[in-house]
N, C-alpha and C. Protein backbone atom coordinates (compact mmCIF):
# COMPACT_ATOMS: atom_id res chain seq x y z
N MET A 1 61.88 -5.67 2.84
CA MET A 1 60.85 -4.83 3.30
C MET A 1 61.43 -4.01 4.47
N THR A 2 61.29 -2.71 4.50
CA THR A 2 61.96 -1.78 5.40
C THR A 2 60.77 -1.67 6.70
N ARG A 3 61.46 -1.07 7.49
CA ARG A 3 60.73 -0.77 8.83
C ARG A 3 59.56 0.22 8.52
N LYS A 4 59.73 1.10 7.65
CA LYS A 4 58.79 2.02 7.26
C LYS A 4 57.62 1.37 6.43
N ASP A 5 58.03 0.22 5.70
CA ASP A 5 56.89 -0.55 5.14
C ASP A 5 56.08 -1.04 5.93
N ILE A 6 56.73 -1.79 7.09
CA ILE A 6 55.99 -2.63 8.03
C ILE A 6 55.06 -1.80 8.82
N LEU A 7 55.43 -0.56 9.13
CA LEU A 7 54.66 0.45 9.97
C LEU A 7 53.68 0.97 9.16
N LYS A 8 53.88 1.04 7.72
CA LYS A 8 52.69 1.53 6.84
C LYS A 8 51.53 0.36 6.92
N ILE A 9 51.93 -0.79 6.61
CA ILE A 9 51.07 -1.84 6.64
C ILE A 9 50.39 -2.09 7.89
N THR A 10 51.02 -2.00 8.92
CA THR A 10 50.44 -2.17 10.33
C THR A 10 49.44 -0.93 10.58
N PHE A 11 49.78 0.26 10.23
CA PHE A 11 48.80 1.38 10.49
C PHE A 11 47.72 1.10 9.55
N ASN A 12 47.72 0.67 8.26
CA ASN A 12 46.62 0.42 7.31
C ASN A 12 45.79 -0.69 7.91
N LEU A 13 46.39 -1.87 8.45
CA LEU A 13 45.36 -2.77 9.07
C LEU A 13 44.59 -2.36 10.23
N VAL A 14 45.35 -1.81 11.22
CA VAL A 14 44.67 -1.11 12.38
C VAL A 14 43.63 -0.27 12.07
N ALA A 15 43.88 0.83 11.07
CA ALA A 15 42.75 1.65 10.59
C ALA A 15 41.68 0.94 10.02
N ILE A 16 41.73 -0.16 9.12
CA ILE A 16 40.78 -0.88 8.52
C ILE A 16 40.08 -1.69 9.76
N TYR A 17 40.73 -2.31 10.61
CA TYR A 17 40.23 -2.91 11.79
C TYR A 17 39.00 -1.94 12.68
N LEU A 18 39.73 -0.77 12.97
CA LEU A 18 38.96 0.25 13.64
C LEU A 18 37.63 0.78 12.96
N ALA A 19 37.98 0.81 11.57
CA ALA A 19 36.81 1.46 10.74
C ALA A 19 35.72 0.26 10.72
N GLY A 20 36.22 -1.06 10.73
CA GLY A 20 35.26 -2.13 10.57
C GLY A 20 34.53 -2.13 12.00
N GLY A 21 35.07 -2.15 13.10
CA GLY A 21 34.45 -2.16 14.37
C GLY A 21 33.71 -1.20 14.49
N LEU A 22 33.96 0.22 14.02
CA LEU A 22 32.91 1.25 14.23
C LEU A 22 31.80 1.07 13.47
N ILE A 23 32.02 0.57 12.26
CA ILE A 23 30.59 0.24 11.25
C ILE A 23 29.73 -0.85 12.03
N LEU A 24 30.40 -1.69 12.76
CA LEU A 24 29.54 -2.85 13.42
C LEU A 24 28.91 -2.22 14.57
N ALA A 25 29.58 -1.34 15.33
CA ALA A 25 29.03 -0.75 16.43
C ALA A 25 27.75 -0.04 15.92
N VAL A 26 27.94 0.89 15.07
CA VAL A 26 26.88 1.80 14.52
C VAL A 26 25.76 0.85 14.27
N VAL A 27 25.82 0.00 13.42
CA VAL A 27 24.81 -1.13 12.88
C VAL A 27 24.17 -1.84 13.91
N TYR A 28 24.90 -2.20 15.09
CA TYR A 28 24.22 -2.71 16.20
C TYR A 28 23.41 -1.94 17.06
N ALA A 29 24.07 -0.43 17.27
CA ALA A 29 23.17 0.45 18.01
C ALA A 29 21.85 0.85 17.17
N LYS A 30 21.72 0.76 15.88
CA LYS A 30 20.70 1.08 15.06
C LYS A 30 19.63 -0.13 15.07
N THR A 31 20.24 -1.42 15.07
CA THR A 31 19.30 -2.35 14.85
C THR A 31 18.76 -3.20 16.12
N SER A 32 19.62 -3.03 17.29
CA SER A 32 19.26 -3.62 18.55
C SER A 32 17.88 -3.27 19.04
N PRO A 33 17.57 -1.95 19.00
CA PRO A 33 16.16 -1.60 19.54
C PRO A 33 15.20 -2.13 18.61
N ILE A 34 15.32 -2.24 17.32
CA ILE A 34 14.31 -2.86 16.49
C ILE A 34 14.17 -4.40 16.83
N MET A 35 15.29 -5.08 16.96
CA MET A 35 15.18 -6.45 17.10
C MET A 35 14.51 -6.72 18.50
N TYR A 36 14.72 -5.83 19.69
CA TYR A 36 13.88 -6.00 20.75
C TYR A 36 12.59 -5.83 20.77
N ARG A 37 12.14 -4.93 19.81
CA ARG A 37 10.76 -4.60 19.78
C ARG A 37 10.21 -5.57 19.07
N ASN A 38 10.75 -6.21 18.18
CA ASN A 38 10.19 -7.48 17.22
C ASN A 38 10.13 -8.60 18.25
N ALA A 39 11.07 -8.83 18.81
CA ALA A 39 10.97 -9.96 19.79
C ALA A 39 9.79 -9.78 20.69
N VAL A 40 9.55 -8.60 21.45
CA VAL A 40 8.56 -8.27 22.42
C VAL A 40 7.07 -8.59 21.54
N LEU A 41 7.03 -8.09 20.26
CA LEU A 41 5.80 -8.40 19.34
C LEU A 41 5.63 -9.45 19.16
N GLN A 42 6.67 -10.28 18.81
CA GLN A 42 6.48 -11.91 18.63
C GLN A 42 6.13 -12.55 19.75
N LYS A 43 6.51 -12.25 21.03
CA LYS A 43 6.11 -12.96 22.19
C LYS A 43 4.56 -12.52 22.54
N GLN A 44 4.22 -11.38 22.37
CA GLN A 44 2.86 -10.90 22.65
C GLN A 44 1.98 -11.73 21.62
N LYS A 45 2.56 -11.98 20.50
CA LYS A 45 1.57 -12.69 19.35
C LYS A 45 1.49 -14.26 19.69
N ALA A 46 2.66 -14.77 20.33
CA ALA A 46 2.50 -16.03 20.81
C ALA A 46 1.85 -16.27 21.75
N LEU A 47 1.63 -15.36 22.88
CA LEU A 47 0.86 -15.37 24.12
C LEU A 47 -0.61 -15.40 23.81
N ARG A 48 -1.04 -14.41 22.68
CA ARG A 48 -2.42 -14.44 22.19
C ARG A 48 -2.72 -15.78 21.33
N LEU A 49 -1.90 -16.34 20.78
CA LEU A 49 -2.14 -17.48 20.02
C LEU A 49 -2.49 -18.53 21.29
N LEU A 50 -1.92 -18.66 22.38
CA LEU A 50 -2.03 -19.64 23.30
C LEU A 50 -3.28 -19.66 24.17
N MET A 51 -3.69 -18.24 24.31
CA MET A 51 -5.08 -17.83 25.29
C MET A 51 -5.89 -16.87 24.20
N PRO A 52 -6.38 -17.42 23.03
CA PRO A 52 -7.02 -16.45 22.31
C PRO A 52 -8.46 -15.82 22.77
N ASP A 53 -8.98 -16.60 23.90
CA ASP A 53 -10.27 -15.98 24.67
C ASP A 53 -10.14 -15.14 25.49
N ALA A 54 -8.78 -14.78 25.86
CA ALA A 54 -8.39 -13.91 26.87
C ALA A 54 -8.62 -12.32 26.43
N GLU A 55 -9.02 -11.48 27.35
CA GLU A 55 -9.15 -10.22 27.06
C GLU A 55 -7.88 -9.37 27.44
N ARG A 56 -7.29 -10.09 28.63
CA ARG A 56 -6.08 -9.55 29.17
C ARG A 56 -5.18 -10.45 29.41
N ILE A 57 -3.83 -10.30 28.99
CA ILE A 57 -2.53 -11.31 29.55
C ILE A 57 -1.71 -10.35 30.09
N ASP A 58 -1.58 -10.43 31.50
CA ASP A 58 -0.50 -9.73 32.29
C ASP A 58 0.44 -10.41 32.76
N LYS A 59 1.76 -9.87 32.82
CA LYS A 59 2.85 -10.45 33.30
C LYS A 59 2.75 -10.60 34.74
N LEU A 60 2.99 -11.68 35.53
CA LEU A 60 3.13 -11.65 36.98
C LEU A 60 4.44 -11.75 37.43
N GLY A 61 5.28 -12.24 36.99
CA GLY A 61 6.71 -12.18 37.55
C GLY A 61 7.56 -12.79 36.48
N GLU A 62 8.80 -13.12 37.20
CA GLU A 62 9.88 -13.90 36.46
C GLU A 62 10.39 -15.04 37.18
N TRP A 63 10.93 -15.90 36.68
CA TRP A 63 11.60 -17.13 37.32
C TRP A 63 12.70 -17.57 36.68
N THR A 64 13.54 -18.45 37.16
CA THR A 64 14.88 -18.93 36.59
C THR A 64 14.79 -20.49 36.55
N ILE A 65 15.08 -20.93 35.24
CA ILE A 65 15.25 -22.33 35.10
C ILE A 65 16.50 -22.52 34.26
N HIS A 66 17.44 -23.44 34.72
CA HIS A 66 18.80 -23.77 33.88
C HIS A 66 19.39 -22.36 33.76
N ASP A 67 19.51 -21.56 34.61
CA ASP A 67 20.15 -20.11 34.58
C ASP A 67 19.52 -19.26 33.63
N LYS A 68 18.39 -19.49 33.09
CA LYS A 68 17.81 -18.72 32.05
C LYS A 68 16.57 -18.08 32.71
N ARG A 69 16.47 -16.80 32.37
CA ARG A 69 15.28 -16.15 32.98
C ARG A 69 14.07 -16.27 32.06
N ALA A 70 12.98 -16.50 32.60
CA ALA A 70 11.68 -16.76 32.10
C ALA A 70 10.47 -16.10 32.73
N GLU A 71 9.48 -15.92 32.15
CA GLU A 71 8.34 -15.07 32.54
C GLU A 71 7.15 -15.85 32.68
N TYR A 72 6.26 -15.53 33.47
CA TYR A 72 4.78 -15.99 33.80
C TYR A 72 3.71 -14.98 33.77
N TYR A 73 2.63 -15.31 33.22
CA TYR A 73 1.45 -14.51 32.91
C TYR A 73 0.23 -14.94 33.46
N ILE A 74 -0.82 -14.18 33.76
CA ILE A 74 -2.22 -14.57 34.08
C ILE A 74 -2.96 -14.04 32.94
N ALA A 75 -3.92 -14.88 32.61
CA ALA A 75 -5.02 -14.60 31.37
C ALA A 75 -6.21 -14.45 32.11
N LYS A 76 -6.81 -13.24 31.50
CA LYS A 76 -8.22 -12.89 32.13
C LYS A 76 -9.25 -12.74 31.14
N LYS A 77 -10.40 -12.88 31.42
CA LYS A 77 -11.59 -12.50 30.60
C LYS A 77 -12.47 -11.94 31.62
N GLY A 78 -12.78 -10.65 31.22
CA GLY A 78 -13.66 -9.83 32.41
C GLY A 78 -12.68 -9.87 33.76
N ALA A 79 -13.46 -10.26 34.76
CA ALA A 79 -12.73 -10.41 36.04
C ALA A 79 -12.19 -11.88 36.43
N SER A 80 -12.49 -12.67 35.38
CA SER A 80 -12.42 -14.21 35.67
C SER A 80 -10.82 -14.54 35.17
N VAL A 81 -10.43 -15.27 36.08
CA VAL A 81 -8.89 -15.87 35.53
C VAL A 81 -9.33 -17.16 34.74
N ILE A 82 -8.80 -17.24 33.53
CA ILE A 82 -9.16 -18.33 32.60
C ILE A 82 -7.92 -19.19 32.29
N GLY A 83 -6.84 -18.59 32.85
CA GLY A 83 -5.70 -19.49 32.83
C GLY A 83 -4.56 -18.67 33.16
N TYR A 84 -3.29 -19.65 32.95
CA TYR A 84 -1.86 -18.90 33.13
C TYR A 84 -0.99 -19.45 31.91
N ILE A 85 0.07 -18.64 31.68
CA ILE A 85 0.95 -18.87 30.63
C ILE A 85 2.39 -18.76 31.27
N ILE A 86 3.19 -19.81 31.08
CA ILE A 86 4.51 -19.67 31.66
C ILE A 86 5.45 -20.05 30.53
N GLN A 87 6.72 -19.44 30.50
CA GLN A 87 7.92 -19.64 29.75
C GLN A 87 8.71 -20.66 30.43
N SER A 88 9.30 -21.63 30.00
CA SER A 88 10.13 -22.51 30.62
C SER A 88 11.04 -22.90 29.55
N PHE A 89 12.36 -23.53 30.13
CA PHE A 89 13.35 -24.15 29.12
C PHE A 89 13.58 -25.56 29.70
N GLY A 90 13.94 -26.28 28.54
CA GLY A 90 14.22 -27.75 28.66
C GLY A 90 15.62 -27.99 28.20
N LYS A 91 16.43 -28.82 28.94
CA LYS A 91 17.91 -29.24 28.37
C LYS A 91 17.64 -30.26 27.29
N GLY A 92 17.74 -29.80 25.96
CA GLY A 92 17.59 -30.92 25.02
C GLY A 92 19.12 -31.62 24.56
N TYR A 93 18.93 -32.26 23.35
CA TYR A 93 20.15 -32.97 22.96
C TYR A 93 21.18 -31.95 22.49
N SER A 94 20.79 -31.15 21.70
CA SER A 94 21.72 -29.90 21.15
C SER A 94 21.57 -28.46 21.78
N SER A 95 20.48 -28.18 22.60
CA SER A 95 20.12 -27.07 22.90
C SER A 95 19.28 -26.89 24.15
N TYR A 96 19.10 -25.69 24.64
CA TYR A 96 17.84 -25.50 25.42
C TYR A 96 16.60 -25.15 24.68
N ILE A 97 15.45 -25.82 25.01
CA ILE A 97 14.43 -25.58 24.40
C ILE A 97 13.59 -24.54 24.93
N ASP A 98 13.11 -23.76 24.15
CA ASP A 98 12.34 -22.36 24.95
C ASP A 98 10.75 -22.86 24.60
N VAL A 99 9.98 -23.03 25.58
CA VAL A 99 8.65 -23.35 25.44
C VAL A 99 7.76 -22.53 26.20
N LEU A 100 6.55 -22.12 25.66
CA LEU A 100 5.52 -21.40 26.25
C LEU A 100 4.42 -22.51 26.44
N ILE A 101 3.88 -22.42 27.69
CA ILE A 101 2.86 -23.47 28.24
C ILE A 101 1.52 -22.45 28.67
N ALA A 102 0.49 -22.88 28.22
CA ALA A 102 -0.68 -22.40 28.62
C ALA A 102 -1.52 -23.36 29.54
N VAL A 103 -1.82 -23.20 30.78
CA VAL A 103 -2.68 -23.91 31.46
C VAL A 103 -3.91 -23.30 31.94
N ASN A 104 -5.06 -24.24 32.17
CA ASN A 104 -6.36 -23.84 32.72
C ASN A 104 -6.16 -23.54 34.34
N PRO A 105 -7.07 -22.83 34.82
CA PRO A 105 -6.85 -22.42 36.35
C PRO A 105 -6.58 -23.72 37.27
N ASP A 106 -7.09 -24.99 36.76
CA ASP A 106 -6.59 -26.20 37.59
C ASP A 106 -5.43 -26.80 37.33
N PHE A 107 -4.61 -25.98 36.48
CA PHE A 107 -3.27 -26.39 36.12
C PHE A 107 -3.09 -27.47 35.00
N THR A 108 -4.08 -27.85 34.51
CA THR A 108 -3.99 -28.76 33.49
C THR A 108 -3.51 -28.17 32.31
N VAL A 109 -2.66 -28.65 31.37
CA VAL A 109 -2.36 -27.99 30.27
C VAL A 109 -3.27 -27.79 29.22
N ARG A 110 -3.28 -26.78 28.62
CA ARG A 110 -4.30 -26.32 27.36
C ARG A 110 -3.52 -26.50 26.22
N GLN A 111 -2.29 -25.98 26.04
CA GLN A 111 -1.52 -26.33 24.89
C GLN A 111 -0.14 -25.63 25.03
N ILE A 112 0.86 -26.05 24.21
CA ILE A 112 2.16 -25.71 24.43
C ILE A 112 2.74 -25.09 23.08
N ASN A 113 3.67 -24.34 23.02
CA ASN A 113 4.29 -23.70 21.99
C ASN A 113 5.78 -23.83 21.89
N ILE A 114 6.57 -24.38 20.92
CA ILE A 114 8.07 -24.19 21.02
C ILE A 114 8.40 -23.01 20.54
N ILE A 115 8.97 -22.20 21.10
CA ILE A 115 9.68 -20.67 20.84
C ILE A 115 10.92 -20.72 20.14
N GLY A 116 11.71 -21.72 20.47
CA GLY A 116 13.08 -21.82 19.91
C GLY A 116 13.62 -22.84 20.46
N HIS A 117 14.70 -23.48 19.60
CA HIS A 117 15.63 -24.37 19.83
C HIS A 117 16.52 -24.69 18.75
N ALA A 118 17.57 -25.60 18.99
CA ALA A 118 18.54 -25.91 17.93
C ALA A 118 18.76 -27.46 17.83
N GLU A 119 17.52 -28.18 18.03
CA GLU A 119 17.66 -29.60 18.19
C GLU A 119 18.15 -30.04 16.63
N THR A 120 18.50 -31.39 16.74
CA THR A 120 18.87 -31.95 15.43
C THR A 120 17.78 -31.93 14.29
N PRO A 121 18.22 -31.43 13.01
CA PRO A 121 17.02 -31.32 11.77
C PRO A 121 16.65 -32.58 11.76
N GLY A 122 15.64 -32.94 11.35
CA GLY A 122 14.85 -34.11 10.98
C GLY A 122 14.72 -35.28 12.04
N LEU A 123 15.07 -34.87 13.33
CA LEU A 123 14.97 -35.72 14.28
C LEU A 123 14.39 -35.14 15.63
N GLY A 124 15.28 -34.38 16.30
CA GLY A 124 14.92 -33.40 17.35
C GLY A 124 13.81 -32.49 17.34
N ASP A 125 13.97 -31.97 16.04
CA ASP A 125 13.29 -30.79 15.60
C ASP A 125 11.67 -31.18 15.43
N GLU A 126 11.50 -32.52 15.52
CA GLU A 126 9.98 -32.88 15.24
C GLU A 126 9.15 -32.61 16.69
N ILE A 127 9.86 -31.94 17.62
CA ILE A 127 9.04 -31.58 18.76
C ILE A 127 8.19 -30.30 18.43
N GLU A 128 8.44 -29.79 17.26
CA GLU A 128 7.62 -28.52 16.65
C GLU A 128 6.40 -29.12 15.97
N LYS A 129 6.24 -30.36 15.62
CA LYS A 129 5.14 -30.89 14.89
C LYS A 129 3.89 -30.93 15.98
N GLU A 130 2.78 -30.62 15.18
CA GLU A 130 1.59 -30.67 16.10
C GLU A 130 1.30 -31.96 16.65
N SER A 131 1.52 -33.02 15.96
CA SER A 131 1.30 -34.38 16.36
C SER A 131 1.98 -34.57 17.85
N PHE A 132 3.19 -33.91 18.16
CA PHE A 132 3.71 -34.05 19.32
C PHE A 132 3.20 -33.06 20.16
N LYS A 133 2.99 -31.82 20.08
CA LYS A 133 2.53 -30.71 20.79
C LYS A 133 1.06 -31.14 21.39
N ASN A 134 0.19 -31.49 20.43
CA ASN A 134 -1.32 -31.83 20.81
C ASN A 134 -1.39 -32.96 21.90
N GLN A 135 -0.30 -33.70 22.09
CA GLN A 135 -0.34 -34.72 23.15
C GLN A 135 -0.48 -33.98 24.62
N PHE A 136 -0.23 -32.72 24.73
CA PHE A 136 -0.04 -32.07 26.09
C PHE A 136 -1.47 -31.70 26.30
N ALA A 137 -2.44 -31.34 25.64
CA ALA A 137 -3.74 -30.90 26.03
C ALA A 137 -4.36 -31.76 26.88
N GLY A 138 -4.80 -30.89 27.89
CA GLY A 138 -5.56 -31.83 28.98
C GLY A 138 -4.95 -32.48 29.89
N LYS A 139 -3.44 -32.65 29.95
CA LYS A 139 -2.81 -33.36 30.94
C LYS A 139 -2.47 -32.75 32.09
N ALA A 140 -2.57 -33.52 33.18
CA ALA A 140 -2.36 -32.94 34.56
C ALA A 140 -0.88 -33.04 34.59
N PRO A 141 -0.30 -32.39 35.55
CA PRO A 141 1.17 -32.44 35.99
C PRO A 141 1.66 -33.74 35.97
N ASP A 142 0.94 -34.67 36.86
CA ASP A 142 1.38 -36.10 36.90
C ASP A 142 1.54 -36.80 35.76
N SER A 143 0.85 -36.45 34.78
CA SER A 143 0.86 -37.16 33.34
C SER A 143 2.03 -36.92 32.45
N LEU A 144 2.61 -35.76 32.92
CA LEU A 144 3.70 -35.27 31.99
C LEU A 144 5.04 -36.09 32.13
N MET A 145 5.02 -37.30 31.78
CA MET A 145 6.06 -38.27 31.62
C MET A 145 6.31 -38.81 30.33
N VAL A 146 7.51 -38.96 29.96
CA VAL A 146 7.72 -39.38 28.39
C VAL A 146 7.70 -41.02 28.36
N MET A 147 6.98 -41.60 27.57
CA MET A 147 7.06 -43.08 27.54
C MET A 147 7.24 -43.36 26.20
N LYS A 148 8.25 -44.51 25.86
CA LYS A 148 8.83 -44.86 24.63
C LYS A 148 7.79 -45.85 23.97
N VAL A 149 6.71 -46.13 24.59
CA VAL A 149 5.49 -46.91 23.85
C VAL A 149 4.36 -46.18 23.86
N GLU A 150 3.58 -46.58 22.78
CA GLU A 150 2.17 -45.73 22.61
C GLU A 150 1.50 -45.67 23.89
N THR A 151 1.10 -44.38 23.95
CA THR A 151 0.35 -44.03 25.25
C THR A 151 -0.60 -42.90 25.19
N SER A 152 -1.76 -42.96 25.88
CA SER A 152 -2.77 -41.84 25.74
C SER A 152 -2.66 -41.08 26.98
N GLU A 153 -2.15 -41.77 27.97
CA GLU A 153 -2.33 -41.22 29.61
C GLU A 153 -1.04 -40.27 29.60
N ASN A 154 0.18 -40.63 28.97
CA ASN A 154 1.26 -39.83 29.14
C ASN A 154 1.60 -39.18 27.77
N ILE A 155 3.08 -38.83 27.61
CA ILE A 155 3.58 -38.09 26.57
C ILE A 155 4.43 -39.38 25.81
N GLN A 156 3.92 -39.50 24.61
CA GLN A 156 4.67 -40.47 23.60
C GLN A 156 5.96 -39.92 22.95
N ALA A 157 7.03 -40.50 23.38
CA ALA A 157 8.47 -39.89 22.75
C ALA A 157 8.47 -40.13 21.32
N ILE A 158 9.14 -38.94 20.83
CA ILE A 158 9.39 -39.03 19.31
C ILE A 158 10.39 -40.00 19.16
N SER A 159 10.11 -41.11 18.23
CA SER A 159 11.15 -42.08 17.89
C SER A 159 12.64 -41.62 17.63
N GLY A 160 13.52 -41.95 18.22
CA GLY A 160 14.87 -41.49 17.98
C GLY A 160 15.30 -39.94 18.39
N ALA A 161 14.26 -39.50 19.09
CA ALA A 161 14.37 -38.08 19.94
C ALA A 161 14.00 -38.15 21.17
N THR A 162 14.27 -39.20 22.08
CA THR A 162 13.73 -39.24 23.54
C THR A 162 14.31 -38.26 24.20
N ILE A 163 15.49 -37.91 24.04
CA ILE A 163 16.04 -36.72 24.90
C ILE A 163 15.37 -35.28 24.60
N SER A 164 15.12 -35.01 23.46
CA SER A 164 14.27 -33.67 23.10
C SER A 164 12.94 -34.00 23.52
N SER A 165 12.26 -35.01 23.52
CA SER A 165 10.91 -35.24 23.90
C SER A 165 10.84 -35.04 25.58
N ARG A 166 11.84 -35.48 26.24
CA ARG A 166 11.82 -35.54 27.87
C ARG A 166 12.20 -34.02 28.21
N ALA A 167 13.05 -33.46 27.30
CA ALA A 167 13.34 -32.04 27.65
C ALA A 167 12.13 -30.97 27.55
N VAL A 168 11.39 -31.39 26.56
CA VAL A 168 9.93 -30.47 26.43
C VAL A 168 9.11 -30.88 27.56
N ALA A 169 8.67 -32.25 27.65
CA ALA A 169 7.61 -32.64 28.60
C ALA A 169 8.12 -32.64 30.16
N GLU A 170 9.19 -33.41 30.47
CA GLU A 170 9.54 -33.48 31.77
C GLU A 170 10.42 -32.44 32.38
N ASP A 171 11.24 -31.74 31.60
CA ASP A 171 11.98 -30.60 32.16
C ASP A 171 11.34 -29.34 31.79
N ALA A 172 10.97 -28.90 30.86
CA ALA A 172 10.40 -27.67 30.67
C ALA A 172 8.88 -27.57 31.01
N VAL A 173 7.97 -28.29 30.45
CA VAL A 173 6.55 -28.32 30.66
C VAL A 173 6.40 -28.65 32.33
N LYS A 174 6.65 -29.74 32.63
CA LYS A 174 6.29 -30.26 34.12
C LYS A 174 7.01 -29.35 35.14
N SER A 175 8.31 -28.83 34.95
CA SER A 175 8.92 -27.89 35.76
C SER A 175 8.05 -26.54 35.80
N GLY A 176 7.84 -26.05 34.56
CA GLY A 176 6.95 -24.81 34.43
C GLY A 176 5.54 -25.12 35.21
N VAL A 177 4.90 -25.93 35.10
CA VAL A 177 3.56 -26.26 35.62
C VAL A 177 3.83 -26.25 37.01
N ASP A 178 4.80 -27.21 37.60
CA ASP A 178 4.76 -27.28 38.93
C ASP A 178 5.18 -26.02 39.58
N PHE A 179 6.14 -25.11 38.91
CA PHE A 179 6.38 -23.82 39.72
C PHE A 179 5.10 -22.87 39.66
N LEU A 180 4.37 -22.99 38.54
CA LEU A 180 3.03 -22.17 38.60
C LEU A 180 2.25 -22.61 39.82
N MET A 181 2.04 -23.91 39.84
CA MET A 181 1.21 -24.45 40.94
C MET A 181 1.65 -23.95 42.24
N LYS A 182 2.84 -24.04 42.68
CA LYS A 182 3.29 -23.77 43.76
C LYS A 182 3.33 -22.12 44.11
N THR A 183 3.52 -21.27 42.99
CA THR A 183 3.46 -19.82 43.26
C THR A 183 2.10 -19.60 43.50
N MET A 184 1.35 -19.91 42.62
CA MET A 184 -0.24 -19.28 42.64
C MET A 184 -0.83 -19.95 43.88
N LYS A 185 -0.34 -20.83 44.27
CA LYS A 185 -1.04 -21.47 45.81
C LYS A 185 -0.24 -20.98 46.90
N GLY A 186 0.88 -19.82 46.53
CA GLY A 186 1.50 -19.29 47.73
C GLY A 186 2.49 -19.91 48.24
N GLU A 187 3.00 -21.22 47.61
CA GLU A 187 4.05 -21.81 48.26
C GLU A 187 5.45 -21.70 47.72
N GLY A 188 5.67 -20.81 46.73
CA GLY A 188 6.94 -20.43 46.04
C GLY A 188 6.96 -19.10 45.71
N ALA A 189 8.09 -18.55 45.38
CA ALA A 189 8.26 -17.32 44.94
C ALA A 189 9.03 -17.22 43.59
N GLY A 190 8.74 -16.34 42.76
CA GLY A 190 9.33 -16.10 41.46
C GLY A 190 10.73 -15.44 41.70
């Protein structure tokens, strides 16, 4: 192979890589705004599902947990505050678990929703099941502890997925509710 052949092959490869990079950049530029809009719409839909009786859900601010930015909201019906919603993250076994938490004005949990995670399929992903999520309804912040035994006062761990259970209950939900309580009572800032 001559030097001319090597230069020709090198030039062709560089041209192919540049063309591929340009195509990827154009596709990203076109799809990025669409993906962002879809994410915003999906979050608005999730907020409405958590507080269906709210007439308005307004963003109050942002906070940081595990170096991740999260948001919190106030839900109103007329002039009355009917609750708050906070996004939080818990450090799970395989991933950070993204959770939305709806609370009443007295900071008892109304319900939670798992927005995203990469926990182990068939084990840690059981945090998405209604039987796990429904345990949070009506719980005060002091009751947001995971127990390995059957309990109605606290949160019962998913068998074989205690780390994921704790990540949701004690890390994401309890931390989020504690932050909301301090912030809404004027003791903390976002």
